[in-house]
Amino acid sequence: MNADIVNLRQARKRRLRDEKAKKAEENRLAFGRTKSERNLTEILNRKQSRSLDQKRLDPDSGLANDGPDDQSD
């Protein structure tokens, strides 16, 4: 029955390095895009939004309903 001897200081440092590496990878995915990639995504999102808006059956259904149109003051 041989047990592996673990240096706790080294294990703690290794765990912290792994956590930092994971966080860095997440940041690269979230923020590591070029300006042209961000612009392309923005253009595609706007195009998709316009396309969905054009396909609405009731164009005013996305707007807030203020009540009947024939309000008397």
C-alpha atoms as a PDB file:
ATOM      1  CA  MET A   1       0.000   0.000   0.000  1.00  0.00           C
ATOM      2  CA  ASN A   2       2.042   2.888  -1.334  1.00  0.00           C
ATOM      3  CA  ALA A   3       0.626   6.372  -1.006  1.00  0.00           C
ATOM      4  CA  ASP A   4       1.565   9.200  -3.307  1.00  0.00           C
ATOM      5  CA  ILE A   5       3.268  11.971  -1.428  1.00  0.00           C
ATOM      6  CA  VAL A   6       1.859  15.358  -2.394  1.00  0.00           C
ATOM      7  CA  ASN A   7       3.519  18.645  -1.642  1.00  0.00           C
ATOM      8  CA  LEU A   8       0.536  20.798  -0.684  1.00  0.00           C
ATOM      9  CA  ARG A   9       2.258  24.064  -1.590  1.00  0.00           C
ATOM     10  CA  GLN A  10       3.016  22.814  -5.094  1.00  0.00           C
ATOM     11  CA  ALA A  11      -0.491  21.378  -5.487  1.00  0.00           C
ATOM     12  CA  ARG A  12      -2.028  24.707  -4.442  1.00  0.00           C
ATOM     13  CA  LYS A  13       0.142  26.636  -6.885  1.00  0.00           C
ATOM     14  CA  ARG A  14      -0.642  24.178  -9.690  1.00  0.00           C
ATOM     15  CA  ARG A  15      -4.382  24.528  -8.993  1.00  0.00           C
ATOM     16  CA  LEU A  16      -4.123  28.354  -9.063  1.00  0.00           C
ATOM     17  CA  ARG A  17      -2.195  28.231 -12.358  1.00  0.00           C
ATOM     18  CA  ASP A  18      -4.841  25.963 -13.869  1.00  0.00           C
ATOM     19  CA  GLU A  19      -7.627  28.312 -12.732  1.00  0.00           C
ATOM     20  CA  LYS A  20      -5.807  31.318 -14.212  1.00  0.00           C
ATOM     21  CA  ALA A  21      -5.297  29.460 -17.492  1.00  0.00           C
ATOM     22  CA  LYS A  22      -8.984  28.573 -17.628  1.00  0.00           C
ATOM     23  CA  LYS A  23      -9.988  32.188 -16.948  1.00  0.00           C
ATOM     24  CA  ALA A  24      -7.556  33.419 -19.620  1.00  0.00           C
ATOM     25  CA  GLU A  25      -9.064  31.007 -22.160  1.00  0.00           C
ATOM     26  CA  GLU A  26     -12.573  32.257 -21.354  1.00  0.00           C
ATOM     27  CA  ASN A  27     -11.396  35.873 -21.767  1.00  0.00           C
ATOM     28  CA  ARG A  28      -9.779  35.084 -25.110  1.00  0.00           C
ATOM     29  CA  LEU A  29     -13.064  33.645 -26.328  1.00  0.00           C
ATOM     30  CA  ALA A  30     -15.127  36.538 -24.977  1.00  0.00           C
ATOM     31  CA  PHE A  31     -12.907  39.521 -25.803  1.00  0.00           C
ATOM     32  CA  GLY A  32     -10.368  38.244 -28.321  1.00  0.00           C
ATOM     33  CA  ARG A  33     -12.172  39.216 -31.488  1.00  0.00           C
ATOM     34  CA  THR A  34     -10.965  41.667 -34.070  1.00  0.00           C
ATOM     35  CA  LYS A  35     -12.874  44.840 -34.853  1.00  0.00           C
ATOM     36  CA  SER A  36     -13.973  43.470 -38.221  1.00  0.00           C
ATOM     37  CA  GLU A  37     -15.351  40.320 -36.543  1.00  0.00           C
ATOM     38  CA  ARG A  38     -17.298  42.434 -34.049  1.00  0.00           C
ATOM     39  CA  ASN A  39     -18.649  44.633 -36.883  1.00  0.00           C
ATOM     40  CA  LEU A  40     -19.676  41.581 -38.907  1.00  0.00           C
ATOM     41  CA  THR A  41     -21.528  40.132 -35.916  1.00  0.00           C
ATOM     42  CA  GLU A  42     -23.310  43.449 -35.338  1.00  0.00           C
ATOM     43  CA  ILE A  43     -24.358  43.679 -38.996  1.00  0.00           C
ATOM     44  CA  LEU A  44     -25.643  40.097 -39.011  1.00  0.00           C
ATOM     45  CA  ASN A  45     -27.600  40.659 -35.792  1.00  0.00           C
ATOM     46  CA  ARG A  46     -29.246  43.796 -37.194  1.00  0.00           C
ATOM     47  CA  LYS A  47     -30.085  42.002 -40.457  1.00  0.00           C
ATOM     48  CA  GLN A  48     -31.657  39.107 -38.575  1.00  0.00           C
ATOM     49  CA  SER A  49     -33.645  41.471 -36.377  1.00  0.00           C
ATOM     50  CA  ARG A  50     -34.984  43.362 -39.401  1.00  0.00           C
ATOM     51  CA  SER A  51     -35.866  40.102 -41.116  1.00  0.00           C
ATOM     52  CA  LEU A  52     -37.827  38.909 -38.086  1.00  0.00           C
ATOM     53  CA  ASP A  53     -39.604  42.262 -37.753  1.00  0.00           C
ATOM     54  CA  GLN A  54     -40.667  42.140 -41.404  1.00  0.00           C
ATOM     55  CA  LYS A  55     -42.243  38.721 -40.905  1.00  0.00           C
ATOM     56  CA  ARG A  56     -44.522  39.818 -38.063  1.00  0.00           C
ATOM     57  CA  LEU A  57     -48.214  39.323 -38.686  1.00  0.00           C
ATOM     58  CA  ASP A  58     -49.102  42.398 -36.612  1.00  0.00           C
ATOM     59  CA  PRO A  59     -46.359  45.069 -36.950  1.00  0.00           C
ATOM     60  CA  ASP A  60     -47.475  46.837 -33.754  1.00  0.00           C
ATOM     61  CA  SER A  61     -47.425  43.668 -31.622  1.00  0.00           C
ATOM     62  CA  GLY A  62     -43.864  44.342 -30.511  1.00  0.00           C
ATOM     63  CA  LEU A  63     -44.688  47.828 -29.249  1.00  0.00           C
ATOM     64  CA  ALA A  64     -46.193  48.711 -25.890  1.00  0.00           C
ATOM     65  CA  ASN A  65     -49.972  48.818 -25.948  1.00  0.00           C
ATOM     66  CA  ASP A  66     -51.163  52.190 -24.660  1.00  0.00           C
ATOM     67  CA  GLY A  67     -54.840  51.328 -24.936  1.00  0.00           C
ATOM     68  CA  PRO A  68     -57.549  51.902 -27.545  1.00  0.00           C
ATOM     69  CA  ASP A  69     -56.835  54.285 -30.374  1.00  0.00           C
ATOM     70  CA  ASP A  70     -60.114  56.192 -30.021  1.00  0.00           C
ATOM     71  CA  GLN A  71     -59.401  57.820 -26.675  1.00  0.00           C
ATOM     72  CA  SER A  72     -61.468  60.896 -25.858  1.00  0.00           C
ATOM     73  CA  ASP A  73     -59.830  63.658 -23.846  1.00  0.00           C
END
